[in-house]
Amino acid sequence: METTLDRFGRVVIPKQVREDLGLNPGAVLQIEKREQEIFLKPVQEGPHLFDKDGVLVFSGVANGDIVSKIRQHREKRLNEIGNRKRK
């Protein structure tokens, strides 16, 4: 993949990459320069759960009550599926 540096020094991260990494507007990125390469790394303050096309996606370090969050999401999805079948 390629992108172009604009006249202000900005780059656009391709949509697929942003979606795969769960990056939203306002996301903080760490920039690291190694010789002739630039590395961007998302800075996350904790676990990050998000819904991607109806699938619960987790990125980060597991801490807190992850199991409860997964159960809540699963119940919501099962209710949605049940409601679709009744129609």
PDB file of N, CA and C in Angstrom:
ATOM      1  N   MET A   1       0.840  -1.177   0.000  1.00  0.00           N
ATOM      2  CA  MET A   1       0.000   0.000   0.000  1.00  0.00           C
ATOM      3  C   MET A   1       0.883   1.239   0.000  1.00  0.00           C
ATOM      4  N   GLU A   2       0.416   2.247  -0.660  1.00  0.00           N
ATOM      5  CA  GLU A   2       1.140   3.522  -0.684  1.00  0.00           C
ATOM      6  C   GLU A   2       0.192   4.657  -0.351  1.00  0.00           C
ATOM      7  N   THR A   3       0.755   5.733   0.155  1.00  0.00           N
ATOM      8  CA  THR A   3       0.016   6.961   0.392  1.00  0.00           C
ATOM      9  C   THR A   3       0.955   8.111   0.073  1.00  0.00           C
ATOM     10  N   THR A   4       0.424   9.316  -0.034  1.00  0.00           N
ATOM     11  CA  THR A   4       1.235  10.470  -0.420  1.00  0.00           C
ATOM     12  C   THR A   4       1.287  11.485   0.712  1.00  0.00           C
ATOM     13  N   LEU A   5       2.441  12.030   0.943  1.00  0.00           N
ATOM     14  CA  LEU A   5       2.637  13.094   1.916  1.00  0.00           C
ATOM     15  C   LEU A   5       2.120  14.392   1.311  1.00  0.00           C
ATOM     16  N   ASP A   6       1.214  15.107   2.018  1.00  0.00           N
ATOM     17  CA  ASP A   6       0.708  16.360   1.459  1.00  0.00           C
ATOM     18  C   ASP A   6       1.654  17.508   1.797  1.00  0.00           C
ATOM     19  N   ARG A   7       1.333  18.697   1.347  1.00  0.00           N
ATOM     20  CA  ARG A   7       2.253  19.835   1.533  1.00  0.00           C
ATOM     21  C   ARG A   7       2.420  20.247   2.989  1.00  0.00           C
ATOM     22  N   PHE A   8       1.528  19.771   3.875  1.00  0.00           N
ATOM     23  CA  PHE A   8       1.643  20.074   5.296  1.00  0.00           C
ATOM     24  C   PHE A   8       2.341  18.943   6.068  1.00  0.00           C
ATOM     25  N   GLY A   9       2.781  17.901   5.349  1.00  0.00           N
ATOM     26  CA  GLY A   9       3.470  16.792   5.987  1.00  0.00           C
ATOM     27  C   GLY A   9       2.533  15.713   6.516  1.00  0.00           C
ATOM     28  N   ARG A  10       1.267  15.747   6.096  1.00  0.00           N
ATOM     29  CA  ARG A  10       0.285  14.774   6.583  1.00  0.00           C
ATOM     30  C   ARG A  10       0.179  13.596   5.627  1.00  0.00           C
ATOM     31  N   VAL A  11      -0.183  12.449   6.212  1.00  0.00           N
ATOM     32  CA  VAL A  11      -0.470  11.268   5.401  1.00  0.00           C
ATOM     33  C   VAL A  11      -1.844  10.745   5.792  1.00  0.00           C
ATOM     34  N   VAL A  12      -2.505  10.095   4.860  1.00  0.00           N
ATOM     35  CA  VAL A  12      -3.780   9.455   5.137  1.00  0.00           C
ATOM     36  C   VAL A  12      -3.502   7.967   5.292  1.00  0.00           C
ATOM     37  N   ILE A  13      -3.927   7.414   6.427  1.00  0.00           N
ATOM     38  CA  ILE A  13      -3.808   5.976   6.639  1.00  0.00           C
ATOM     39  C   ILE A  13      -4.986   5.344   5.911  1.00  0.00           C
ATOM     40  N   PRO A  14      -4.721   4.392   5.010  1.00  0.00           N
ATOM     41  CA  PRO A  14      -5.816   3.797   4.239  1.00  0.00           C
ATOM     42  C   PRO A  14      -6.924   3.243   5.135  1.00  0.00           C
ATOM     43  N   LYS A  15      -8.164   3.351   4.640  1.00  0.00           N
ATOM     44  CA  LYS A  15      -9.345   2.960   5.410  1.00  0.00           C
ATOM     45  C   LYS A  15      -9.251   1.534   5.926  1.00  0.00           C
ATOM     46  N   GLN A  16      -8.825   0.594   5.088  1.00  0.00           N
ATOM     47  CA  GLN A  16      -8.751  -0.807   5.508  1.00  0.00           C
ATOM     48  C   GLN A  16      -7.798  -0.984   6.692  1.00  0.00           C
ATOM     49  N   VAL A  17      -6.687  -0.273   6.684  1.00  0.00           N
ATOM     50  CA  VAL A  17      -5.722  -0.347   7.790  1.00  0.00           C
ATOM     51  C   VAL A  17      -6.348   0.232   9.049  1.00  0.00           C
ATOM     52  N   ARG A  18      -7.024   1.389   8.924  1.00  0.00           N
ATOM     53  CA  ARG A  18      -7.685   2.000  10.086  1.00  0.00           C
ATOM     54  C   ARG A  18      -8.726   1.061  10.665  1.00  0.00           C
ATOM     55  N   GLU A  19      -9.523   0.440   9.802  1.00  0.00           N
ATOM     56  CA  GLU A  19     -10.560  -0.479  10.279  1.00  0.00           C
ATOM     57  C   GLU A  19      -9.948  -1.708  10.946  1.00  0.00           C
ATOM     58  N   ASP A  20      -8.925  -2.278  10.321  1.00  0.00           N
ATOM     59  CA  ASP A  20      -8.281  -3.473  10.883  1.00  0.00           C
ATOM     60  C   ASP A  20      -7.699  -3.207  12.265  1.00  0.00           C
ATOM     61  N   LEU A  21      -7.200  -1.986  12.487  1.00  0.00           N
ATOM     62  CA  LEU A  21      -6.587  -1.636  13.772  1.00  0.00           C
ATOM     63  C   LEU A  21      -7.565  -0.963  14.731  1.00  0.00           C
ATOM     64  N   GLY A  22      -8.798  -0.725  14.282  1.00  0.00           N
ATOM     65  CA  GLY A  22      -9.785  -0.080  15.131  1.00  0.00           C
ATOM     66  C   GLY A  22      -9.467   1.378  15.409  1.00  0.00           C
ATOM     67  N   LEU A  23      -8.842   2.046  14.446  1.00  0.00           N
ATOM     68  CA  LEU A  23      -8.477   3.462  14.615  1.00  0.00           C
ATOM     69  C   LEU A  23      -9.640   4.347  14.210  1.00  0.00           C
ATOM     70  N   ASN A  24      -9.997   5.252  15.086  1.00  0.00           N
ATOM     71  CA  ASN A  24     -11.074   6.209  14.836  1.00  0.00           C
ATOM     72  C   ASN A  24     -10.496   7.614  14.854  1.00  0.00           C
ATOM     73  N   PRO A  25     -11.232   8.604  14.322  1.00  0.00           N
ATOM     74  CA  PRO A  25     -10.739   9.977  14.386  1.00  0.00           C
ATOM     75  C   PRO A  25     -10.375  10.347  15.825  1.00  0.00           C
ATOM     76  N   GLY A  26      -9.237  10.990  15.981  1.00  0.00           N
ATOM     77  CA  GLY A  26      -8.762  11.370  17.311  1.00  0.00           C
ATOM     78  C   GLY A  26      -7.850  10.342  17.948  1.00  0.00           C
ATOM     79  N   ALA A  27      -7.666   9.185  17.292  1.00  0.00           N
ATOM     80  CA  ALA A  27      -6.776   8.156  17.842  1.00  0.00           C
ATOM     81  C   ALA A  27      -5.361   8.725  17.971  1.00  0.00           C
ATOM     82  N   VAL A  28      -4.696   8.360  19.051  1.00  0.00           N
ATOM     83  CA  VAL A  28      -3.330   8.819  19.291  1.00  0.00           C
ATOM     84  C   VAL A  28      -2.366   7.772  18.746  1.00  0.00           C
ATOM     85  N   LEU A  29      -1.368   8.242  17.980  1.00  0.00           N
ATOM     86  CA  LEU A  29      -0.364   7.350  17.413  1.00  0.00           C
ATOM     87  C   LEU A  29       1.014   7.739  17.913  1.00  0.00           C
ATOM     88  N   GLN A  30       1.811   6.750  18.233  1.00  0.00           N
ATOM     89  CA  GLN A  30       3.209   6.981  18.606  1.00  0.00           C
ATOM     90  C   GLN A  30       4.024   6.916  17.314  1.00  0.00           C
ATOM     91  N   ILE A  31       4.926   7.872  17.120  1.00  0.00           N
ATOM     92  CA  ILE A  31       5.767   7.903  15.922  1.00  0.00           C
ATOM     93  C   ILE A  31       7.191   7.584  16.337  1.00  0.00           C
ATOM     94  N   GLU A  32       7.789   6.652  15.617  1.00  0.00           N
ATOM     95  CA  GLU A  32       9.167   6.270  15.909  1.00  0.00           C
ATOM     96  C   GLU A  32       9.958   6.271  14.604  1.00  0.00           C
ATOM     97  N   LYS A  33      11.138   6.881  14.632  1.00  0.00           N
ATOM     98  CA  LYS A  33      12.017   6.924  13.457  1.00  0.00           C
ATOM     99  C   LYS A  33      13.166   5.966  13.702  1.00  0.00           C
ATOM    100  N   ARG A  34      13.361   5.052  12.763  1.00  0.00           N
ATOM    101  CA  ARG A  34      14.483   4.102  12.834  1.00  0.00           C
ATOM    102  C   ARG A  34      15.227   4.194  11.510  1.00  0.00           C
ATOM    103  N   GLU A  35      16.396   4.762  11.553  1.00  0.00           N
ATOM    104  CA  GLU A  35      17.204   4.972  10.354  1.00  0.00           C
ATOM    105  C   GLU A  35      16.361   5.647   9.273  1.00  0.00           C
ATOM    106  N   GLN A  36      16.049   4.977   8.196  1.00  0.00           N
ATOM    107  CA  GLN A  36      15.284   5.585   7.108  1.00  0.00           C
ATOM    108  C   GLN A  36      13.837   5.103   7.077  1.00  0.00           C
ATOM    109  N   GLU A  37      13.301   4.669   8.238  1.00  0.00           N
ATOM    110  CA  GLU A  37      11.932   4.186   8.310  1.00  0.00           C
ATOM    111  C   GLU A  37      11.154   4.939   9.387  1.00  0.00           C
ATOM    112  N   ILE A  38       9.859   5.049   9.172  1.00  0.00           N
ATOM    113  CA  ILE A  38       8.958   5.679  10.140  1.00  0.00           C
ATOM    114  C   ILE A  38       7.942   4.628  10.564  1.00  0.00           C
ATOM    115  N   PHE A  39       7.763   4.449  11.876  1.00  0.00           N
ATOM    116  CA  PHE A  39       6.798   3.495  12.408  1.00  0.00           C
ATOM    117  C   PHE A  39       5.715   4.249  13.165  1.00  0.00           C
ATOM    118  N   LEU A  40       4.465   3.914  12.892  1.00  0.00           N
ATOM    119  CA  LEU A  40       3.329   4.470  13.616  1.00  0.00           C
ATOM    120  C   LEU A  40       2.722   3.344  14.437  1.00  0.00           C
ATOM    121  N   LYS A  41       2.459   3.620  15.711  1.00  0.00           N
ATOM    122  CA  LYS A  41       1.887   2.596  16.592  1.00  0.00           C
ATOM    123  C   LYS A  41       0.746   3.230  17.380  1.00  0.00           C
ATOM    124  N   PRO A  42      -0.451   2.611  17.326  1.00  0.00           N
ATOM    125  CA  PRO A  42      -1.564   3.152  18.109  1.00  0.00           C
ATOM    126  C   PRO A  42      -1.255   3.121  19.600  1.00  0.00           C
ATOM    127  N   VAL A  43      -1.593   4.203  20.287  1.00  0.00           N
ATOM    128  CA  VAL A  43      -1.431   4.273  21.740  1.00  0.00           C
ATOM    129  C   VAL A  43      -2.798   4.019  22.339  1.00  0.00           C
ATOM    130  N   GLN A  44      -2.916   2.942  23.110  1.00  0.00           N
ATOM    131  CA  GLN A  44      -4.184   2.616  23.727  1.00  0.00           C
ATOM    132  C   GLN A  44      -4.006   2.600  25.233  1.00  0.00           C
ATOM    133  N   GLU A  45      -4.962   3.212  25.915  1.00  0.00           N
ATOM    134  CA  GLU A  45      -4.879   3.323  27.364  1.00  0.00           C
ATOM    135  C   GLU A  45      -5.338   2.066  28.082  1.00  0.00           C
ATOM    136  N   GLY A  46      -5.860   1.117  27.380  1.00  0.00           N
ATOM    137  CA  GLY A  46      -6.344  -0.110  27.993  1.00  0.00           C
ATOM    138  C   GLY A  46      -6.977  -0.974  26.934  1.00  0.00           C
ATOM    139  N   PRO A  47      -7.694  -1.995  27.348  1.00  0.00           N
ATOM    140  CA  PRO A  47      -8.310  -2.863  26.357  1.00  0.00           C
ATOM    141  C   PRO A  47      -9.322  -2.109  25.516  1.00  0.00           C
ATOM    142  N   HIS A  48      -9.420  -2.507  24.304  1.00  0.00           N
ATOM    143  CA  HIS A  48     -10.312  -1.834  23.387  1.00  0.00           C
ATOM    144  C   HIS A  48     -11.183  -2.874  22.700  1.00  0.00           C
ATOM    145  N   LEU A  49     -12.468  -2.836  22.973  1.00  0.00           N
ATOM    146  CA  LEU A  49     -13.433  -3.722  22.333  1.00  0.00           C
ATOM    147  C   LEU A  49     -14.266  -2.889  21.373  1.00  0.00           C
ATOM    148  N   PHE A  50     -14.434  -3.382  20.158  1.00  0.00           N
ATOM    149  CA  PHE A  50     -15.286  -2.677  19.226  1.00  0.00           C
ATOM    150  C   PHE A  50     -16.005  -3.671  18.324  1.00  0.00           C
ATOM    151  N   ASP A  51     -17.097  -3.230  17.761  1.00  0.00           N
ATOM    152  CA  ASP A  51     -17.920  -4.054  16.895  1.00  0.00           C
ATOM    153  C   ASP A  51     -17.515  -3.785  15.451  1.00  0.00           C
ATOM    154  N   LYS A  52     -17.055  -4.825  14.766  1.00  0.00           N
ATOM    155  CA  LYS A  52     -16.680  -4.684  13.363  1.00  0.00           C
ATOM    156  C   LYS A  52     -17.560  -5.617  12.553  1.00  0.00           C
ATOM    157  N   ASP A  53     -18.494  -5.030  11.840  1.00  0.00           N
ATOM    158  CA  ASP A  53     -19.423  -5.812  11.012  1.00  0.00           C
ATOM    159  C   ASP A  53     -20.141  -6.888  11.812  1.00  0.00           C
ATOM    160  N   GLY A  54     -20.571  -6.561  13.028  1.00  0.00           N
ATOM    161  CA  GLY A  54     -21.325  -7.492  13.853  1.00  0.00           C
ATOM    162  C   GLY A  54     -20.485  -8.474  14.639  1.00  0.00           C
ATOM    163  N   VAL A  55     -19.169  -8.342  14.569  1.00  0.00           N
ATOM    164  CA  VAL A  55     -18.278  -9.239  15.299  1.00  0.00           C
ATOM    165  C   VAL A  55     -17.534  -8.420  16.345  1.00  0.00           C
ATOM    166  N   LEU A  56     -17.508  -8.904  17.584  1.00  0.00           N
ATOM    167  CA  LEU A  56     -16.797  -8.206  18.648  1.00  0.00           C
ATOM    168  C   LEU A  56     -15.302  -8.437  18.482  1.00  0.00           C
ATOM    169  N   VAL A  57     -14.548  -7.350  18.342  1.00  0.00           N
ATOM    170  CA  VAL A  57     -13.107  -7.416  18.113  1.00  0.00           C
ATOM    171  C   VAL A  57     -12.402  -6.787  19.304  1.00  0.00           C
ATOM    172  N   PHE A  58     -11.354  -7.427  19.773  1.00  0.00           N
ATOM    173  CA  PHE A  58     -10.581  -6.954  20.920  1.00  0.00           C
ATOM    174  C   PHE A  58      -9.159  -6.662  20.467  1.00  0.00           C
ATOM    175  N   SER A  59      -8.639  -5.510  20.866  1.00  0.00           N
ATOM    176  CA  SER A  59      -7.225  -5.225  20.649  1.00  0.00           C
ATOM    177  C   SER A  59      -6.709  -4.571  21.918  1.00  0.00           C
ATOM    178  N   GLY A  60      -5.597  -5.004  22.385  1.00  0.00           N
ATOM    179  CA  GLY A  60      -5.024  -4.437  23.599  1.00  0.00           C
ATOM    180  C   GLY A  60      -4.613  -5.520  24.569  1.00  0.00           C
ATOM    181  N   VAL A  61      -4.436  -5.126  25.799  1.00  0.00           N
ATOM    182  CA  VAL A  61      -4.034  -6.033  26.861  1.00  0.00           C
ATOM    183  C   VAL A  61      -5.267  -6.353  27.693  1.00  0.00           C
ATOM    184  N   ALA A  62      -5.503  -7.633  27.934  1.00  0.00           N
ATOM    185  CA  ALA A  62      -6.690  -8.035  28.696  1.00  0.00           C
ATOM    186  C   ALA A  62      -6.548  -7.645  30.158  1.00  0.00           C
ATOM    187  N   ASN A  63      -7.479  -6.832  30.629  1.00  0.00           N
ATOM    188  CA  ASN A  63      -7.605  -6.525  32.051  1.00  0.00           C
ATOM    189  C   ASN A  63      -9.046  -6.076  32.283  1.00  0.00           C
ATOM    190  N   GLY A  64      -9.489  -6.094  33.493  1.00  0.00           N
ATOM    191  CA  GLY A  64     -10.881  -5.756  33.756  1.00  0.00           C
ATOM    192  C   GLY A  64     -11.778  -6.953  33.514  1.00  0.00           C
ATOM    193  N   ASP A  65     -13.082  -6.702  33.432  1.00  0.00           N
ATOM    194  CA  ASP A  65     -14.067  -7.772  33.302  1.00  0.00           C
ATOM    195  C   ASP A  65     -14.421  -8.010  31.833  1.00  0.00           C
ATOM    196  N   ILE A  66     -13.504  -8.603  31.105  1.00  0.00           N
ATOM    197  CA  ILE A  66     -13.687  -8.877  29.679  1.00  0.00           C
ATOM    198  C   ILE A  66     -14.806  -9.895  29.469  1.00  0.00           C
ATOM    199  N   VAL A  67     -14.856 -10.912  30.328  1.00  0.00           N
ATOM    200  CA  VAL A  67     -15.859 -11.970  30.188  1.00  0.00           C
ATOM    201  C   VAL A  67     -17.271 -11.390  30.243  1.00  0.00           C
ATOM    202  N   SER A  68     -17.508 -10.456  31.155  1.00  0.00           N
ATOM    203  CA  SER A  68     -18.817  -9.827  31.273  1.00  0.00           C
ATOM    204  C   SER A  68     -19.167  -9.053  30.002  1.00  0.00           C
ATOM    205  N   LYS A  69     -18.217  -8.343  29.466  1.00  0.00           N
ATOM    206  CA  LYS A  69     -18.437  -7.570  28.246  1.00  0.00           C
ATOM    207  C   LYS A  69     -18.788  -8.501  27.081  1.00  0.00           C
ATOM    208  N   ILE A  70     -18.098  -9.621  26.980  1.00  0.00           N
ATOM    209  CA  ILE A  70     -18.370 -10.587  25.917  1.00  0.00           C
ATOM    210  C   ILE A  70     -19.764 -11.173  26.088  1.00  0.00           C
ATOM    211  N   ARG A  71     -20.150 -11.505  27.324  1.00  0.00           N
ATOM    212  CA  ARG A  71     -21.491 -12.045  27.576  1.00  0.00           C
ATOM    213  C   ARG A  71     -22.572 -11.048  27.170  1.00  0.00           C
ATOM    214  N   GLN A  72     -22.382  -9.773  27.540  1.00  0.00           N
ATOM    215  CA  GLN A  72     -23.368  -8.742  27.196  1.00  0.00           C
ATOM    216  C   GLN A  72     -23.520  -8.630  25.677  1.00  0.00           C
ATOM    217  N   HIS A  73     -22.396  -8.631  24.985  1.00  0.00           N
ATOM    218  CA  HIS A  73     -22.430  -8.517  23.534  1.00  0.00           C
ATOM    219  C   HIS A  73     -23.117  -9.738  22.924  1.00  0.00           C
ATOM    220  N   ARG A  74     -22.791 -10.913  23.430  1.00  0.00           N
ATOM    221  CA  ARG A  74     -23.392 -12.149  22.918  1.00  0.00           C
ATOM    222  C   ARG A  74     -24.909 -12.140  23.114  1.00  0.00           C
ATOM    223  N   GLU A  75     -25.367 -11.727  24.298  1.00  0.00           N
ATOM    224  CA  GLU A  75     -26.804 -11.663  24.570  1.00  0.00           C
ATOM    225  C   GLU A  75     -27.501 -10.695  23.617  1.00  0.00           C
ATOM    226  N   LYS A  76     -26.879  -9.557  23.386  1.00  0.00           N
ATOM    227  CA  LYS A  76     -27.438  -8.559  22.465  1.00  0.00           C
ATOM    228  C   LYS A  76     -27.571  -9.149  21.061  1.00  0.00           C
ATOM    229  N   ARG A  77     -26.519  -9.816  20.593  1.00  0.00           N
ATOM    230  CA  ARG A  77     -26.543 -10.412  19.250  1.00  0.00           C
ATOM    231  C   ARG A  77     -27.598 -11.505  19.152  1.00  0.00           C
ATOM    232  N   LEU A  78     -27.706 -12.356  20.187  1.00  0.00           N
ATOM    233  CA  LEU A  78     -28.703 -13.421  20.169  1.00  0.00           C
ATOM    234  C   LEU A  78     -30.117 -12.847  20.144  1.00  0.00           C
ATOM    235  N   ASN A  79     -30.348 -11.768  20.890  1.00  0.00           N
ATOM    236  CA  ASN A  79     -31.650 -11.107  20.872  1.00  0.00           C
ATOM    237  C   ASN A  79     -31.964 -10.539  19.487  1.00  0.00           C
ATOM    238  N   GLU A  80     -30.968  -9.935  18.856  1.00  0.00           N
ATOM    239  CA  GLU A  80     -31.164  -9.386  17.514  1.00  0.00           C
ATOM    240  C   GLU A  80     -31.504 -10.499  16.523  1.00  0.00           C
ATOM    241  N   ILE A  81     -30.801 -11.607  16.616  1.00  0.00           N
ATOM    242  CA  ILE A  81     -31.043 -12.735  15.707  1.00  0.00           C
ATOM    243  C   ILE A  81     -32.441 -13.295  15.965  1.00  0.00           C
ATOM    244  N   GLY A  82     -32.815 -13.440  17.235  1.00  0.00           N
ATOM    245  CA  GLY A  82     -34.148 -13.941  17.591  1.00  0.00           C
ATOM    246  C   GLY A  82     -35.241 -13.044  17.072  1.00  0.00           C
ATOM    247  N   ASN A  83     -35.052 -11.735  17.156  1.00  0.00           N
ATOM    248  CA  ASN A  83     -36.058 -10.788  16.664  1.00  0.00           C
ATOM    249  C   ASN A  83     -36.202 -10.859  15.150  1.00  0.00           C
ATOM    250  N   ARG A  84     -35.117 -11.102  14.422  1.00  0.00           N
ATOM    251  CA  ARG A  84     -35.181 -11.209  12.966  1.00  0.00           C
ATOM    252  C   ARG A  84     -35.976 -12.448  12.546  1.00  0.00           C
ATOM    253  N   LYS A  85     -35.807 -13.541  13.271  1.00  0.00           N
ATOM    254  CA  LYS A  85     -36.491 -14.782  12.927  1.00  0.00           C
ATOM    255  C   LYS A  85     -37.991 -14.668  13.151  1.00  0.00           C
ATOM    256  N   ARG A  86     -38.413 -13.878  14.128  1.00  0.00           N
ATOM    257  CA  ARG A  86     -39.835 -13.730  14.456  1.00  0.00           C
ATOM    258  C   ARG A  86     -40.587 -12.915  13.420  1.00  0.00           C
ATOM    259  N   LYS A  87     -39.908 -12.094  12.677  1.00  0.00           N
ATOM    260  CA  LYS A  87     -40.570 -11.198  11.699  1.00  0.00           C
ATOM    261  C   LYS A  87     -41.037 -11.931  10.483  1.00  0.00           C
TER     262      LYS A  87
END
